[in-house]
Amino acid sequence: MVIQILGDIKFQITLDPSTWIFDDRKITLEDALKAEQDDDSITFSDNTEWNRQIIEGSSKPPTLKSEKKYKNSQLLEETFIIRLDTFLEYTEPERGEDAMITYTHDEGTTILPYSERGRHYAQFSQDGKRMYDDNMIDLVVISDNDIETRLQHVTGISIN
């Protein structure tokens, strides 16, 4: 299954957590808590057609960094997360920084400020295995090298 980002936004985004294991933007939970990760986010210095295709999803992002950084055994043993801020920013909320993000999860719903999206991570694997059989995620909010909030089995995201 996939997670759609819906709400008062310009662009609806569909997230497929099953593909993130191949994404260069993933990091281990341990590295995120140590705050030692490099900011290896994909940046674009020009506006070429190739860059536009990656951003809009018609081309797949490069995976070469992950292939070099993690051995196959690590992919099968580590716990991985991915920052959600990039995906949330692509939606372009109508209210901008004043928007609120509603996460639907097993315990109900939780509303968090859009302005704090840089601390929102999706945990999609635990010890090399996917989190849930339906490919859903846990939301992990990291603050000061510690997990501030954990929402289990997130099934929906809405921005208003």
Protein backbone atom coordinates (compact mmCIF):
# COMPACT_ATOMS: atom_id res chain seq x y z
CA MET A 1 0.00 0.00 0.00
CA VAL A 2 0.94 3.62 -0.41
CA ILE A 3 0.35 6.76 1.63
CA GLN A 4 -1.19 9.79 -0.04
CA ILE A 5 -0.52 13.30 1.21
CA LEU A 6 -3.84 15.11 0.87
CA GLY A 7 -5.43 18.33 2.09
CA ASP A 8 -5.25 22.01 1.26
CA ILE A 9 -2.22 21.63 -1.00
CA LYS A 10 -1.31 22.41 -4.61
CA PHE A 11 0.09 18.96 -5.39
CA GLN A 12 -1.01 15.62 -3.96
CA ILE A 13 1.94 13.32 -3.36
CA THR A 14 1.88 9.53 -3.12
CA LEU A 15 4.54 7.89 -0.94
CA ASP A 16 5.61 4.30 -1.49
CA PRO A 17 7.71 3.27 1.54
CA SER A 18 8.62 -0.06 -0.07
CA THR A 19 10.97 1.78 -2.47
CA TRP A 20 12.83 3.82 0.14
CA ILE A 21 15.33 1.06 0.86
CA PHE A 22 16.89 2.00 -2.51
CA ASP A 23 16.74 5.77 -1.90
CA ASP A 24 19.99 7.65 -1.20
CA ARG A 25 18.22 9.91 1.30
CA LYS A 26 17.67 7.10 3.82
CA ILE A 27 19.79 6.97 6.96
CA THR A 28 19.98 4.60 9.87
CA LEU A 29 18.01 5.52 12.97
CA GLU A 30 21.22 5.25 14.94
CA ASP A 31 22.96 7.85 12.74
CA ALA A 32 20.01 10.23 13.04
CA LEU A 33 20.07 10.00 16.81
CA LYS A 34 23.81 10.62 16.86
CA ALA A 35 23.25 13.61 14.55
CA GLU A 36 26.37 12.63 12.60
CA GLN A 37 24.71 12.28 9.23
CA ASP A 38 25.94 14.42 6.38
CA ASP A 39 23.41 16.49 4.54
CA ASP A 40 23.64 14.49 1.34
CA SER A 41 20.28 15.66 0.10
CA ILE A 42 19.89 15.79 -3.62
CA THR A 43 20.39 19.37 -4.81
CA PHE A 44 20.18 20.80 -8.27
CA SER A 45 22.35 23.64 -9.53
CA ASP A 46 20.47 24.07 -12.78
CA ASN A 47 17.01 23.51 -14.14
CA THR A 48 17.73 20.90 -16.79
CA GLU A 49 15.10 18.47 -18.01
CA TRP A 50 16.79 15.58 -16.20
CA ASN A 51 16.48 17.36 -12.83
CA ARG A 52 12.82 18.17 -13.49
CA GLN A 53 12.08 14.54 -14.29
CA ILE A 54 13.59 13.34 -11.01
CA ILE A 55 11.70 15.94 -8.96
CA GLU A 56 8.38 15.17 -10.66
CA GLY A 57 8.90 11.44 -10.35
CA SER A 58 9.08 10.42 -14.00
CA SER A 59 12.69 9.31 -13.43
CA LYS A 60 14.06 7.46 -10.48
CA PRO A 61 16.55 9.27 -8.21
CA PRO A 62 20.14 8.02 -8.19
CA THR A 63 20.91 5.15 -5.84
CA LEU A 64 24.66 4.89 -6.34
CA LYS A 65 25.53 6.55 -3.01
CA SER A 66 23.46 4.00 -1.09
CA GLU A 67 24.96 1.14 -3.01
CA LYS A 68 28.43 2.31 -1.97
CA LYS A 69 27.54 3.38 1.59
CA TYR A 70 25.65 0.29 2.76
CA LYS A 71 26.67 -3.30 2.24
CA ASN A 72 23.91 -5.74 1.35
CA SER A 73 24.15 -7.24 4.82
CA GLN A 74 23.52 -3.83 6.41
CA LEU A 75 20.37 -3.36 4.37
CA LEU A 76 19.12 -6.64 5.81
CA GLU A 77 20.04 -5.82 9.42
CA GLU A 78 19.74 -2.06 10.04
CA THR A 79 16.80 0.16 11.00
CA PHE A 80 16.26 2.89 8.40
CA ILE A 81 14.40 6.19 8.35
CA ILE A 82 13.93 8.92 5.75
CA ARG A 83 13.24 12.62 6.28
CA LEU A 84 9.73 13.64 5.31
CA ASP A 85 10.38 17.35 4.83
CA THR A 86 11.28 17.04 1.15
CA PHE A 87 8.05 15.20 0.36
CA LEU A 88 5.97 17.58 2.46
CA GLU A 89 7.49 20.63 0.75
CA TYR A 90 6.68 19.26 -2.72
CA THR A 91 2.97 19.48 -1.84
CA GLU A 92 3.17 23.29 -1.50
CA PRO A 93 0.57 23.89 1.24
CA GLU A 94 -1.82 26.76 0.56
CA ARG A 95 -1.21 28.19 4.07
CA GLY A 96 2.58 27.95 3.75
CA GLU A 97 4.49 27.75 7.03
CA ASP A 98 1.26 28.22 9.01
CA ALA A 99 -0.12 24.88 7.81
CA MET A 100 -0.69 21.94 10.13
CA ILE A 101 0.04 18.27 9.34
CA THR A 102 -2.44 15.64 10.48
CA TYR A 103 -1.05 12.13 10.78
CA THR A 104 -3.60 9.30 10.95
CA HIS A 105 -2.28 6.31 12.89
CA ASP A 106 -3.36 3.38 15.10
CA GLU A 107 -4.10 5.58 18.11
CA GLY A 108 -6.18 8.13 16.13
CA THR A 109 -4.86 11.38 14.72
CA THR A 110 -2.03 13.70 15.73
CA ILE A 111 -1.64 17.28 14.49
CA LEU A 112 1.86 18.75 14.23
CA PRO A 113 3.03 22.12 12.85
CA TYR A 114 4.22 22.14 9.23
CA SER A 115 7.02 24.51 10.25
CA GLU A 116 8.65 21.66 12.23
CA ARG A 117 8.65 19.20 9.31
CA GLY A 118 12.47 19.03 9.32
CA ARG A 119 12.27 16.86 12.45
CA HIS A 120 9.76 14.40 10.95
CA TYR A 121 11.17 11.06 9.82
CA ALA A 122 9.40 8.01 8.42
CA GLN A 123 10.72 4.76 9.85
CA PHE A 124 10.11 2.18 7.16
CA SER A 125 12.34 -0.68 8.32
CA GLN A 126 13.24 -2.32 11.62
CA ASP A 127 16.25 -4.64 11.79
CA GLY A 128 16.24 -5.07 8.01
CA LYS A 129 12.53 -5.91 7.76
CA ARG A 130 9.66 -3.69 6.72
CA MET A 131 7.71 -2.19 9.60
CA TYR A 132 4.29 -3.58 8.70
CA ASP A 133 2.90 -6.10 6.22
CA ASP A 134 0.91 -3.33 4.52
CA ASN A 135 4.09 -1.19 4.03
CA MET A 136 2.93 1.57 6.38
CA ILE A 137 5.40 3.54 8.49
CA ASP A 138 6.04 4.88 11.96
CA LEU A 139 6.48 8.63 12.26
CA VAL A 140 9.51 9.51 14.36
CA VAL A 141 10.01 13.11 15.51
CA ILE A 142 13.63 13.64 16.51
CA SER A 143 14.71 16.48 18.75
CA ASP A 144 18.05 16.97 20.51
CA ASN A 145 19.39 13.54 19.46
CA ASP A 146 16.39 11.75 20.96
CA ILE A 147 13.03 10.47 19.77
CA GLU A 148 10.53 13.05 20.98
CA THR A 149 7.43 11.44 19.44
CA ARG A 150 6.66 8.11 17.80
CA LEU A 151 3.38 7.53 16.00
CA GLN A 152 2.87 3.87 15.17
CA HIS A 153 1.40 2.60 11.92
CA VAL A 154 0.79 5.89 10.09
CA THR A 155 -1.78 5.29 7.35
CA GLY A 156 -2.57 8.83 6.21
CA ILE A 157 -1.11 12.33 6.01
CA SER A 158 -3.15 15.49 5.49
CA ILE A 159 -1.94 19.11 5.37
CA ASN A 160 -4.37 21.91 6.19
